[in-house]
Amino acid sequence: MNRKEMENVKNLLKTASMSIAQLASSLDHYVQDDDDPASKKLFEDQVREAEKLSGDIDDIILKLALGTNPF
């Protein structure tokens, strides 16, 4: 991989890490107060975002496994 591709991977991993941290925080609030609709909605929204990011990462892994450039 060239420098730009490595930078793209680094940025994707940073985004994934932040998404996981946000999801964990939201889950913590949801578990503490599962009757709060705002906490539930925030958690559900962050789960959807994490699922999209997971799909993006899976696509990159598949392209790398096939020996193609994911960027």
PDB file of N, CA and C in Angstrom:
ATOM      1  N   MET A   1       0.837  -1.181   0.000  1.00  0.00           N
ATOM      2  CA  MET A   1       0.000   0.000   0.000  1.00  0.00           C
ATOM      3  C   MET A   1       0.882   1.244   0.000  1.00  0.00           C
ATOM      4  N   ASN A   2       0.384   2.248  -0.676  1.00  0.00           N
ATOM      5  CA  ASN A   2       1.124   3.500  -0.669  1.00  0.00           C
ATOM      6  C   ASN A   2       0.718   4.344   0.546  1.00  0.00           C
ATOM      7  N   ARG A   3       1.336   5.489   0.667  1.00  0.00           N
ATOM      8  CA  ARG A   3       1.120   6.347   1.843  1.00  0.00           C
ATOM      9  C   ARG A   3      -0.344   6.787   1.980  1.00  0.00           C
ATOM     10  N   LYS A   4      -0.971   7.161   0.875  1.00  0.00           N
ATOM     11  CA  LYS A   4      -2.371   7.613   0.909  1.00  0.00           C
ATOM     12  C   LYS A   4      -3.292   6.479   1.358  1.00  0.00           C
ATOM     13  N   GLU A   5      -3.059   5.290   0.866  1.00  0.00           N
ATOM     14  CA  GLU A   5      -3.882   4.141   1.251  1.00  0.00           C
ATOM     15  C   GLU A   5      -3.710   3.820   2.731  1.00  0.00           C
ATOM     16  N   MET A   6      -2.474   3.903   3.215  1.00  0.00           N
ATOM     17  CA  MET A   6      -2.236   3.650   4.637  1.00  0.00           C
ATOM     18  C   MET A   6      -2.921   4.714   5.492  1.00  0.00           C
ATOM     19  N   GLU A   7      -2.917   5.949   5.021  1.00  0.00           N
ATOM     20  CA  GLU A   7      -3.606   7.037   5.736  1.00  0.00           C
ATOM     21  C   GLU A   7      -5.113   6.769   5.776  1.00  0.00           C
ATOM     22  N   ASN A   8      -5.670   6.277   4.677  1.00  0.00           N
ATOM     23  CA  ASN A   8      -7.097   5.932   4.634  1.00  0.00           C
ATOM     24  C   ASN A   8      -7.431   4.836   5.637  1.00  0.00           C
ATOM     25  N   VAL A   9      -6.588   3.814   5.714  1.00  0.00           N
ATOM     26  CA  VAL A   9      -6.804   2.726   6.672  1.00  0.00           C
ATOM     27  C   VAL A   9      -6.719   3.260   8.096  1.00  0.00           C
ATOM     28  N   LYS A  10      -5.719   4.100   8.360  1.00  0.00           N
ATOM     29  CA  LYS A  10      -5.558   4.679   9.695  1.00  0.00           C
ATOM     30  C   LYS A  10      -6.802   5.478  10.085  1.00  0.00           C
ATOM     31  N   ASN A  11      -7.299   6.287   9.168  1.00  0.00           N
ATOM     32  CA  ASN A  11      -8.486   7.094   9.455  1.00  0.00           C
ATOM     33  C   ASN A  11      -9.720   6.227   9.682  1.00  0.00           C
ATOM     34  N   LEU A  12      -9.853   5.166   8.903  1.00  0.00           N
ATOM     35  CA  LEU A  12     -10.975   4.252   9.087  1.00  0.00           C
ATOM     36  C   LEU A  12     -10.904   3.587  10.460  1.00  0.00           C
ATOM     37  N   LEU A  13      -9.719   3.171  10.865  1.00  0.00           N
ATOM     38  CA  LEU A  13      -9.564   2.539  12.178  1.00  0.00           C
ATOM     39  C   LEU A  13      -9.849   3.525  13.309  1.00  0.00           C
ATOM     40  N   LYS A  14      -9.441   4.780  13.141  1.00  0.00           N
ATOM     41  CA  LYS A  14      -9.756   5.801  14.152  1.00  0.00           C
ATOM     42  C   LYS A  14     -11.267   5.985  14.260  1.00  0.00           C
ATOM     43  N   THR A  15     -11.926   6.050  13.109  1.00  0.00           N
ATOM     44  CA  THR A  15     -13.379   6.209  13.097  1.00  0.00           C
ATOM     45  C   THR A  15     -14.055   5.019  13.765  1.00  0.00           C
ATOM     46  N   ALA A  16     -13.573   3.821  13.470  1.00  0.00           N
ATOM     47  CA  ALA A  16     -14.135   2.620  14.085  1.00  0.00           C
ATOM     48  C   ALA A  16     -13.946   2.642  15.592  1.00  0.00           C
ATOM     49  N   SER A  17     -12.778   3.043  16.031  1.00  0.00           N
ATOM     50  CA  SER A  17     -12.494   3.109  17.461  1.00  0.00           C
ATOM     51  C   SER A  17     -13.417   4.101  18.160  1.00  0.00           C
ATOM     52  N   MET A  18     -13.608   5.269  17.551  1.00  0.00           N
ATOM     53  CA  MET A  18     -14.492   6.277  18.149  1.00  0.00           C
ATOM     54  C   MET A  18     -15.937   5.791  18.163  1.00  0.00           C
ATOM     55  N   SER A  19     -16.343   5.107  17.116  1.00  0.00           N
ATOM     56  CA  SER A  19     -17.704   4.585  17.042  1.00  0.00           C
ATOM     57  C   SER A  19     -17.947   3.550  18.133  1.00  0.00           C
ATOM     58  N   ILE A  20     -16.973   2.699  18.369  1.00  0.00           N
ATOM     59  CA  ILE A  20     -17.087   1.687  19.421  1.00  0.00           C
ATOM     60  C   ILE A  20     -17.178   2.352  20.786  1.00  0.00           C
ATOM     61  N   ALA A  21     -16.367   3.375  21.015  1.00  0.00           N
ATOM     62  CA  ALA A  21     -16.403   4.087  22.299  1.00  0.00           C
ATOM     63  C   ALA A  21     -17.755   4.768  22.510  1.00  0.00           C
ATOM     64  N   GLN A  22     -18.288   5.398  21.464  1.00  0.00           N
ATOM     65  CA  GLN A  22     -19.593   6.048  21.575  1.00  0.00           C
ATOM     66  C   GLN A  22     -20.689   5.025  21.844  1.00  0.00           C
ATOM     67  N   LEU A  23     -20.619   3.906  21.160  1.00  0.00           N
ATOM     68  CA  LEU A  23     -21.611   2.858  21.343  1.00  0.00           C
ATOM     69  C   LEU A  23     -21.559   2.309  22.763  1.00  0.00           C
ATOM     70  N   ALA A  24     -20.370   2.103  23.288  1.00  0.00           N
ATOM     71  CA  ALA A  24     -20.223   1.604  24.658  1.00  0.00           C
ATOM     72  C   ALA A  24     -20.787   2.602  25.664  1.00  0.00           C
ATOM     73  N   SER A  25     -20.517   3.874  25.462  1.00  0.00           N
ATOM     74  CA  SER A  25     -21.036   4.911  26.357  1.00  0.00           C
ATOM     75  C   SER A  25     -22.560   4.956  26.298  1.00  0.00           C
ATOM     76  N   SER A  26     -23.090   4.903  25.096  1.00  0.00           N
ATOM     77  CA  SER A  26     -24.537   4.928  24.923  1.00  0.00           C
ATOM     78  C   SER A  26     -25.182   3.706  25.560  1.00  0.00           C
ATOM     79  N   LEU A  27     -24.562   2.559  25.394  1.00  0.00           N
ATOM     80  CA  LEU A  27     -25.083   1.334  25.999  1.00  0.00           C
ATOM     81  C   LEU A  27     -25.087   1.451  27.514  1.00  0.00           C
ATOM     82  N   ASP A  28     -24.043   2.039  28.067  1.00  0.00           N
ATOM     83  CA  ASP A  28     -23.968   2.232  29.511  1.00  0.00           C
ATOM     84  C   ASP A  28     -25.140   3.082  29.999  1.00  0.00           C
ATOM     85  N   HIS A  29     -25.412   4.183  29.301  1.00  0.00           N
ATOM     86  CA  HIS A  29     -26.543   5.044  29.684  1.00  0.00           C
ATOM     87  C   HIS A  29     -27.866   4.308  29.518  1.00  0.00           C
ATOM     88  N   TYR A  30     -27.992   3.547  28.456  1.00  0.00           N
ATOM     89  CA  TYR A  30     -29.231   2.815  28.191  1.00  0.00           C
ATOM     90  C   TYR A  30     -29.478   1.761  29.265  1.00  0.00           C
ATOM     91  N   VAL A  31     -28.428   1.068  29.671  1.00  0.00           N
ATOM     92  CA  VAL A  31     -28.562   0.037  30.704  1.00  0.00           C
ATOM     93  C   VAL A  31     -28.938   0.673  32.043  1.00  0.00           C
ATOM     94  N   GLN A  32     -28.346   1.830  32.333  1.00  0.00           N
ATOM     95  CA  GLN A  32     -28.629   2.498  33.603  1.00  0.00           C
ATOM     96  C   GLN A  32     -30.051   3.047  33.662  1.00  0.00           C
ATOM     97  N   ASP A  33     -30.605   3.443  32.528  1.00  0.00           N
ATOM     98  CA  ASP A  33     -31.940   4.040  32.512  1.00  0.00           C
ATOM     99  C   ASP A  33     -32.682   3.585  31.266  1.00  0.00           C
ATOM    100  N   ASP A  34     -33.096   2.311  31.268  1.00  0.00           N
ATOM    101  CA  ASP A  34     -33.723   1.757  30.071  1.00  0.00           C
ATOM    102  C   ASP A  34     -35.145   2.268  29.842  1.00  0.00           C
ATOM    103  N   ASP A  35     -35.676   3.063  30.778  1.00  0.00           N
ATOM    104  CA  ASP A  35     -37.005   3.644  30.587  1.00  0.00           C
ATOM    105  C   ASP A  35     -36.948   4.995  29.869  1.00  0.00           C
ATOM    106  N   ASP A  36     -35.760   5.517  29.659  1.00  0.00           N
ATOM    107  CA  ASP A  36     -35.606   6.823  29.017  1.00  0.00           C
ATOM    108  C   ASP A  36     -35.611   6.653  27.496  1.00  0.00           C
ATOM    109  N   PRO A  37     -36.652   7.149  26.818  1.00  0.00           N
ATOM    110  CA  PRO A  37     -36.729   6.994  25.360  1.00  0.00           C
ATOM    111  C   PRO A  37     -35.561   7.647  24.620  1.00  0.00           C
ATOM    112  N   ALA A  38     -35.043   8.751  25.144  1.00  0.00           N
ATOM    113  CA  ALA A  38     -33.921   9.425  24.478  1.00  0.00           C
ATOM    114  C   ALA A  38     -32.675   8.548  24.506  1.00  0.00           C
ATOM    115  N   SER A  39     -32.419   7.882  25.634  1.00  0.00           N
ATOM    116  CA  SER A  39     -31.263   6.978  25.731  1.00  0.00           C
ATOM    117  C   SER A  39     -31.422   5.805  24.777  1.00  0.00           C
ATOM    118  N   LYS A  40     -32.636   5.281  24.703  1.00  0.00           N
ATOM    119  CA  LYS A  40     -32.890   4.149  23.808  1.00  0.00           C
ATOM    120  C   LYS A  40     -32.683   4.565  22.349  1.00  0.00           C
ATOM    121  N   LYS A  41     -33.213   5.741  21.967  1.00  0.00           N
ATOM    122  CA  LYS A  41     -33.060   6.200  20.587  1.00  0.00           C
ATOM    123  C   LYS A  41     -31.595   6.443  20.247  1.00  0.00           C
ATOM    124  N   LEU A  42     -30.856   7.083  21.149  1.00  0.00           N
ATOM    125  CA  LEU A  42     -29.436   7.332  20.912  1.00  0.00           C
ATOM    126  C   LEU A  42     -28.696   6.014  20.708  1.00  0.00           C
ATOM    127  N   PHE A  43     -28.970   5.044  21.563  1.00  0.00           N
ATOM    128  CA  PHE A  43     -28.323   3.740  21.446  1.00  0.00           C
ATOM    129  C   PHE A  43     -28.655   3.096  20.104  1.00  0.00           C
ATOM    130  N   GLU A  44     -29.927   3.102  19.720  1.00  0.00           N
ATOM    131  CA  GLU A  44     -30.336   2.486  18.458  1.00  0.00           C
ATOM    132  C   GLU A  44     -29.696   3.191  17.261  1.00  0.00           C
ATOM    133  N   ASP A  45     -29.620   4.520  17.305  1.00  0.00           N
ATOM    134  CA  ASP A  45     -28.974   5.271  16.224  1.00  0.00           C
ATOM    135  C   ASP A  45     -27.493   4.911  16.113  1.00  0.00           C
ATOM    136  N   GLN A  46     -26.834   4.795  17.247  1.00  0.00           N
ATOM    137  CA  GLN A  46     -25.408   4.473  17.228  1.00  0.00           C
ATOM    138  C   GLN A  46     -25.166   3.030  16.793  1.00  0.00           C
ATOM    139  N   VAL A  47     -26.089   2.136  17.111  1.00  0.00           N
ATOM    140  CA  VAL A  47     -25.973   0.755  16.626  1.00  0.00           C
ATOM    141  C   VAL A  47     -26.057   0.747  15.097  1.00  0.00           C
ATOM    142  N   ARG A  48     -26.987   1.511  14.533  1.00  0.00           N
ATOM    143  CA  ARG A  48     -27.106   1.579  13.066  1.00  0.00           C
ATOM    144  C   ARG A  48     -25.829   2.128  12.434  1.00  0.00           C
ATOM    145  N   GLU A  49     -25.270   3.180  13.020  1.00  0.00           N
ATOM    146  CA  GLU A  49     -24.026   3.752  12.498  1.00  0.00           C
ATOM    147  C   GLU A  49     -22.881   2.738  12.583  1.00  0.00           C
ATOM    148  N   ALA A  50     -22.812   2.015  13.700  1.00  0.00           N
ATOM    149  CA  ALA A  50     -21.760   1.012  13.872  1.00  0.00           C
ATOM    150  C   ALA A  50     -21.917  -0.114  12.853  1.00  0.00           C
ATOM    151  N   GLU A  51     -23.160  -0.494  12.553  1.00  0.00           N
ATOM    152  CA  GLU A  51     -23.393  -1.541  11.559  1.00  0.00           C
ATOM    153  C   GLU A  51     -22.932  -1.094  10.171  1.00  0.00           C
ATOM    154  N   LYS A  52     -23.178   0.170   9.824  1.00  0.00           N
ATOM    155  CA  LYS A  52     -22.709   0.694   8.535  1.00  0.00           C
ATOM    156  C   LYS A  52     -21.183   0.669   8.472  1.00  0.00           C
ATOM    157  N   LEU A  53     -20.554   1.114   9.540  1.00  0.00           N
ATOM    158  CA  LEU A  53     -19.094   1.133   9.590  1.00  0.00           C
ATOM    159  C   LEU A  53     -18.540  -0.284   9.495  1.00  0.00           C
ATOM    160  N   SER A  54     -19.192  -1.216  10.169  1.00  0.00           N
ATOM    161  CA  SER A  54     -18.759  -2.612  10.112  1.00  0.00           C
ATOM    162  C   SER A  54     -18.830  -3.137   8.677  1.00  0.00           C
ATOM    163  N   GLY A  55     -19.879  -2.771   7.962  1.00  0.00           N
ATOM    164  CA  GLY A  55     -20.004  -3.175   6.561  1.00  0.00           C
ATOM    165  C   GLY A  55     -18.894  -2.597   5.703  1.00  0.00           C
ATOM    166  N   ASP A  56     -18.550  -1.328   5.943  1.00  0.00           N
ATOM    167  CA  ASP A  56     -17.452  -0.700   5.207  1.00  0.00           C
ATOM    168  C   ASP A  56     -16.135  -1.431   5.467  1.00  0.00           C
ATOM    169  N   ILE A  57     -15.896  -1.774   6.717  1.00  0.00           N
ATOM    170  CA  ILE A  57     -14.663  -2.481   7.079  1.00  0.00           C
ATOM    171  C   ILE A  57     -14.643  -3.864   6.442  1.00  0.00           C
ATOM    172  N   ASP A  58     -15.788  -4.558   6.461  1.00  0.00           N
ATOM    173  CA  ASP A  58     -15.871  -5.879   5.830  1.00  0.00           C
ATOM    174  C   ASP A  58     -15.559  -5.795   4.336  1.00  0.00           C
ATOM    175  N   ASP A  59     -16.065  -4.755   3.672  1.00  0.00           N
ATOM    176  CA  ASP A  59     -15.787  -4.574   2.239  1.00  0.00           C
ATOM    177  C   ASP A  59     -14.294  -4.385   1.984  1.00  0.00           C
ATOM    178  N   ILE A  60     -13.651  -3.585   2.811  1.00  0.00           N
ATOM    179  CA  ILE A  60     -12.212  -3.351   2.658  1.00  0.00           C
ATOM    180  C   ILE A  60     -11.434  -4.641   2.877  1.00  0.00           C
ATOM    181  N   ILE A  61     -11.798  -5.397   3.907  1.00  0.00           N
ATOM    182  CA  ILE A  61     -11.114  -6.665   4.189  1.00  0.00           C
ATOM    183  C   ILE A  61     -11.273  -7.625   3.013  1.00  0.00           C
ATOM    184  N   LEU A  62     -12.471  -7.706   2.455  1.00  0.00           N
ATOM    185  CA  LEU A  62     -12.714  -8.591   1.317  1.00  0.00           C
ATOM    186  C   LEU A  62     -11.856  -8.188   0.119  1.00  0.00           C
ATOM    187  N   LYS A  63     -11.810  -6.896  -0.173  1.00  0.00           N
ATOM    188  CA  LYS A  63     -10.994  -6.432  -1.303  1.00  0.00           C
ATOM    189  C   LYS A  63      -9.512  -6.716  -1.078  1.00  0.00           C
ATOM    190  N   LEU A  64      -9.053  -6.509   0.146  1.00  0.00           N
ATOM    191  CA  LEU A  64      -7.652  -6.816   0.447  1.00  0.00           C
ATOM    192  C   LEU A  64      -7.383  -8.312   0.305  1.00  0.00           C
ATOM    193  N   ALA A  65      -8.325  -9.141   0.757  1.00  0.00           N
ATOM    194  CA  ALA A  65      -8.164 -10.595   0.651  1.00  0.00           C
ATOM    195  C   ALA A  65      -8.119 -11.041  -0.810  1.00  0.00           C
ATOM    196  N   LEU A  66      -8.848 -10.333  -1.667  1.00  0.00           N
ATOM    197  CA  LEU A  66      -8.857 -10.666  -3.090  1.00  0.00           C
ATOM    198  C   LEU A  66      -7.675 -10.055  -3.837  1.00  0.00           C
ATOM    199  N   GLY A  67      -6.882  -9.272  -3.116  1.00  0.00           N
ATOM    200  CA  GLY A  67      -5.703  -8.666  -3.724  1.00  0.00           C
ATOM    201  C   GLY A  67      -6.002  -7.425  -4.542  1.00  0.00           C
ATOM    202  N   THR A  68      -7.176  -6.836  -4.323  1.00  0.00           N
ATOM    203  CA  THR A  68      -7.517  -5.607  -5.041  1.00  0.00           C
ATOM    204  C   THR A  68      -7.369  -4.408  -4.116  1.00  0.00           C
ATOM    205  N   ASN A  69      -7.225  -3.250  -4.709  1.00  0.00           N
ATOM    206  CA  ASN A  69      -7.060  -2.022  -3.946  1.00  0.00           C
ATOM    207  C   ASN A  69      -8.430  -1.553  -3.459  1.00  0.00           C
ATOM    208  N   PRO A  70      -8.627  -1.458  -2.149  1.00  0.00           N
ATOM    209  CA  PRO A  70      -9.935  -1.052  -1.632  1.00  0.00           C
ATOM    210  C   PRO A  70     -10.182   0.445  -1.726  1.00  0.00           C
ATOM    211  N   PHE A  71      -9.168   1.203  -2.170  1.00  0.00           N
ATOM    212  CA  PHE A  71      -9.313   2.654  -2.215  1.00  0.00           C
ATOM    213  C   PHE A  71      -9.239   3.095  -3.637  1.00  0.00           C
TER     214      PHE A  71
END
